[in-house]
Amino acid sequence: MTDWRAVIIGFLVITVLGIIGLTLPGVGQLAAGLIGGFVAGYLAGGGIGRGFWHGLLAGAFGGIVAGVLVALVVGVVGWAGGPVGGLISGLAGIGILAVAILISFVMAIESALAGALGGLLES
């Protein structure tokens, strides 16, 4: 059974640390995913598998939020650029989608591994 409280707390940790981590691009988001996944796994407890699952869910939700934020930033920049910026932004949409999916997978995998460690330590 999924402990949604643990998943939501892990997701919130990922989101808050990810926003703070924007000052250190890449490293900040990596740390946010690891810490949030660990928190989700630790709070869920129950061993490696349960921690892995809860870290995976928290990381996937965090990755979706990060991907949406990237898409919003590019969309606003395109809108501010007028018709040419809109065209460029529209053409970049496929690349943005690929980046958002990649961010989601990376955050989910790293959070799942950290969640497994958290679940192991809590047991």
C-alpha atoms as a PDB file:
ATOM      1  CA  MET A   1       0.000   0.000   0.000  1.00  0.00           C
ATOM      2  CA  THR A   2       1.358   3.401  -0.934  1.00  0.00           C
ATOM      3  CA  ASP A   3       1.944   5.851   1.912  1.00  0.00           C
ATOM      4  CA  TRP A   4       0.874   9.044   0.158  1.00  0.00           C
ATOM      5  CA  ARG A   5       1.927  11.160   3.116  1.00  0.00           C
ATOM      6  CA  ALA A   6       5.524  10.031   2.629  1.00  0.00           C
ATOM      7  CA  VAL A   7       5.302  10.601  -1.137  1.00  0.00           C
ATOM      8  CA  ILE A   8       3.869  14.109  -0.758  1.00  0.00           C
ATOM      9  CA  ILE A   9       6.438  15.107   1.867  1.00  0.00           C
ATOM     10  CA  GLY A  10       9.238  13.769  -0.352  1.00  0.00           C
ATOM     11  CA  PHE A  11       7.768  15.628  -3.333  1.00  0.00           C
ATOM     12  CA  LEU A  12       7.592  18.870  -1.334  1.00  0.00           C
ATOM     13  CA  VAL A  13      11.211  18.449  -0.245  1.00  0.00           C
ATOM     14  CA  ILE A  14      12.228  17.914  -3.880  1.00  0.00           C
ATOM     15  CA  THR A  15      10.252  20.953  -5.015  1.00  0.00           C
ATOM     16  CA  VAL A  16      11.534  23.336  -2.330  1.00  0.00           C
ATOM     17  CA  LEU A  17      15.152  22.178  -2.601  1.00  0.00           C
ATOM     18  CA  GLY A  18      14.875  22.220  -6.408  1.00  0.00           C
ATOM     19  CA  ILE A  19      13.813  25.852  -6.346  1.00  0.00           C
ATOM     20  CA  ILE A  20      16.606  26.721  -3.927  1.00  0.00           C
ATOM     21  CA  GLY A  21      18.942  24.569  -6.017  1.00  0.00           C
ATOM     22  CA  LEU A  22      18.438  26.770  -9.077  1.00  0.00           C
ATOM     23  CA  THR A  23      21.401  28.759  -7.765  1.00  0.00           C
ATOM     24  CA  LEU A  24      23.550  25.680  -8.497  1.00  0.00           C
ATOM     25  CA  PRO A  25      22.216  24.412 -11.849  1.00  0.00           C
ATOM     26  CA  GLY A  26      22.299  20.644 -12.190  1.00  0.00           C
ATOM     27  CA  VAL A  27      23.863  19.969  -8.799  1.00  0.00           C
ATOM     28  CA  GLY A  28      20.980  21.615  -6.945  1.00  0.00           C
ATOM     29  CA  GLN A  29      18.354  19.516  -8.700  1.00  0.00           C
ATOM     30  CA  LEU A  30      20.409  16.358  -8.257  1.00  0.00           C
ATOM     31  CA  ALA A  31      20.714  16.988  -4.531  1.00  0.00           C
ATOM     32  CA  ALA A  32      17.003  17.829  -4.305  1.00  0.00           C
ATOM     33  CA  GLY A  33      16.039  14.521  -5.922  1.00  0.00           C
ATOM     34  CA  LEU A  34      18.353  12.513  -3.695  1.00  0.00           C
ATOM     35  CA  ILE A  35      17.270  14.181  -0.464  1.00  0.00           C
ATOM     36  CA  GLY A  36      13.546  14.135  -1.311  1.00  0.00           C
ATOM     37  CA  GLY A  37      13.676  10.470  -2.342  1.00  0.00           C
ATOM     38  CA  PHE A  38      15.526   9.575   0.838  1.00  0.00           C
ATOM     39  CA  VAL A  39      12.911  11.410   2.934  1.00  0.00           C
ATOM     40  CA  ALA A  40      10.048   9.625   1.153  1.00  0.00           C
ATOM     41  CA  GLY A  41      11.694   6.223   1.589  1.00  0.00           C
ATOM     42  CA  TYR A  42      12.597   6.860   5.200  1.00  0.00           C
ATOM     43  CA  LEU A  43       9.088   8.029   6.118  1.00  0.00           C
ATOM     44  CA  ALA A  44       7.491   5.079   4.321  1.00  0.00           C
ATOM     45  CA  GLY A  45       9.862   2.587   5.945  1.00  0.00           C
ATOM     46  CA  GLY A  46       9.382  -1.117   5.417  1.00  0.00           C
ATOM     47  CA  GLY A  47      12.628  -1.980   3.675  1.00  0.00           C
ATOM     48  CA  ILE A  48      14.393  -1.470   0.379  1.00  0.00           C
ATOM     49  CA  GLY A  49      11.472  -2.231  -1.955  1.00  0.00           C
ATOM     50  CA  ARG A  50       8.986  -0.015  -0.151  1.00  0.00           C
ATOM     51  CA  GLY A  51      11.514   2.819   0.110  1.00  0.00           C
ATOM     52  CA  PHE A  52      12.363   2.427  -3.593  1.00  0.00           C
ATOM     53  CA  TRP A  53       8.687   2.683  -4.567  1.00  0.00           C
ATOM     54  CA  HIS A  54       7.987   5.775  -2.475  1.00  0.00           C
ATOM     55  CA  GLY A  55      11.184   7.497  -3.594  1.00  0.00           C
ATOM     56  CA  LEU A  56      10.278   6.697  -7.206  1.00  0.00           C
ATOM     57  CA  LEU A  57       6.841   8.280  -6.865  1.00  0.00           C
ATOM     58  CA  ALA A  58       8.172  11.394  -5.114  1.00  0.00           C
ATOM     59  CA  GLY A  59      10.919  11.786  -7.747  1.00  0.00           C
ATOM     60  CA  ALA A  60       8.511  11.304 -10.644  1.00  0.00           C
ATOM     61  CA  PHE A  61       6.182  13.981  -9.309  1.00  0.00           C
ATOM     62  CA  GLY A  62       9.153  16.269  -8.695  1.00  0.00           C
ATOM     63  CA  GLY A  63      10.415  15.627 -12.227  1.00  0.00           C
ATOM     64  CA  ILE A  64       7.038  16.499 -13.701  1.00  0.00           C
ATOM     65  CA  VAL A  65       7.038  19.817 -11.827  1.00  0.00           C
ATOM     66  CA  ALA A  66      10.606  20.561 -12.971  1.00  0.00           C
ATOM     67  CA  GLY A  67       9.671  19.765 -16.584  1.00  0.00           C
ATOM     68  CA  VAL A  68       6.618  22.025 -16.437  1.00  0.00           C
ATOM     69  CA  LEU A  69       8.760  24.850 -15.012  1.00  0.00           C
ATOM     70  CA  VAL A  70      11.243  24.477 -17.891  1.00  0.00           C
ATOM     71  CA  ALA A  71       8.365  24.582 -20.390  1.00  0.00           C
ATOM     72  CA  LEU A  72       6.879  27.683 -18.739  1.00  0.00           C
ATOM     73  CA  VAL A  73      10.180  29.555 -18.803  1.00  0.00           C
ATOM     74  CA  VAL A  74      10.717  28.800 -22.492  1.00  0.00           C
ATOM     75  CA  GLY A  75       7.099  29.701 -23.271  1.00  0.00           C
ATOM     76  CA  VAL A  76       7.365  33.067 -21.499  1.00  0.00           C
ATOM     77  CA  VAL A  77      10.627  33.836 -23.273  1.00  0.00           C
ATOM     78  CA  GLY A  78       9.012  32.960 -26.608  1.00  0.00           C
ATOM     79  CA  TRP A  79       5.957  35.069 -25.853  1.00  0.00           C
ATOM     80  CA  ALA A  80       8.136  38.040 -24.914  1.00  0.00           C
ATOM     81  CA  GLY A  81      10.008  37.644 -28.205  1.00  0.00           C
ATOM     82  CA  GLY A  82       6.959  38.399 -30.325  1.00  0.00           C
ATOM     83  CA  PRO A  83       5.960  36.398 -33.417  1.00  0.00           C
ATOM     84  CA  VAL A  84       9.493  35.250 -34.210  1.00  0.00           C
ATOM     85  CA  GLY A  85      10.059  34.253 -30.598  1.00  0.00           C
ATOM     86  CA  GLY A  86       6.736  32.428 -30.614  1.00  0.00           C
ATOM     87  CA  LEU A  87       7.726  30.497 -33.735  1.00  0.00           C
ATOM     88  CA  ILE A  88      11.095  29.567 -32.281  1.00  0.00           C
ATOM     89  CA  SER A  89       9.478  28.641 -28.978  1.00  0.00           C
ATOM     90  CA  GLY A  90       6.900  26.504 -30.791  1.00  0.00           C
ATOM     91  CA  LEU A  91       9.570  24.662 -32.757  1.00  0.00           C
ATOM     92  CA  ALA A  92      11.533  24.113 -29.572  1.00  0.00           C
ATOM     93  CA  GLY A  93       8.484  22.424 -28.023  1.00  0.00           C
ATOM     94  CA  ILE A  94       9.626  18.966 -29.106  1.00  0.00           C
ATOM     95  CA  GLY A  95      13.009  19.521 -27.497  1.00  0.00           C
ATOM     96  CA  ILE A  96      11.361  20.840 -24.352  1.00  0.00           C
ATOM     97  CA  LEU A  97       9.192  17.737 -24.152  1.00  0.00           C
ATOM     98  CA  ALA A  98      12.265  15.520 -24.498  1.00  0.00           C
ATOM     99  CA  VAL A  99      14.099  17.461 -21.777  1.00  0.00           C
ATOM    100  CA  ALA A 100      11.058  17.299 -19.467  1.00  0.00           C
ATOM    101  CA  ILE A 101      10.805  13.533 -19.927  1.00  0.00           C
ATOM    102  CA  LEU A 102      14.541  13.143 -19.320  1.00  0.00           C
ATOM    103  CA  ILE A 103      14.346  15.267 -16.157  1.00  0.00           C
ATOM    104  CA  SER A 104      11.440  13.159 -14.901  1.00  0.00           C
ATOM    105  CA  PHE A 105      13.278   9.877 -15.500  1.00  0.00           C
ATOM    106  CA  VAL A 106      16.526  11.065 -13.917  1.00  0.00           C
ATOM    107  CA  MET A 107      14.787  12.483 -10.856  1.00  0.00           C
ATOM    108  CA  ALA A 108      12.629   9.380 -10.482  1.00  0.00           C
ATOM    109  CA  ILE A 109      15.574   6.967 -10.712  1.00  0.00           C
ATOM    110  CA  GLU A 110      17.854   8.886  -8.364  1.00  0.00           C
ATOM    111  CA  SER A 111      15.006   9.437  -5.886  1.00  0.00           C
ATOM    112  CA  ALA A 112      14.102   5.751  -6.030  1.00  0.00           C
ATOM    113  CA  LEU A 113      17.669   4.722  -5.199  1.00  0.00           C
ATOM    114  CA  ALA A 114      17.845   7.225  -2.348  1.00  0.00           C
ATOM    115  CA  GLY A 115      14.398   6.067  -1.194  1.00  0.00           C
ATOM    116  CA  ALA A 116      15.614   2.475  -1.087  1.00  0.00           C
ATOM    117  CA  LEU A 117      18.468   3.586   1.154  1.00  0.00           C
ATOM    118  CA  GLY A 118      16.033   5.525   3.351  1.00  0.00           C
ATOM    119  CA  GLY A 119      13.713   2.531   3.597  1.00  0.00           C
ATOM    120  CA  LEU A 120      16.638   0.298   4.495  1.00  0.00           C
ATOM    121  CA  LEU A 121      17.863   2.620   7.228  1.00  0.00           C
ATOM    122  CA  GLU A 122      14.395   3.027   8.735  1.00  0.00           C
ATOM    123  CA  SER A 123      13.720  -0.698   8.941  1.00  0.00           C
END
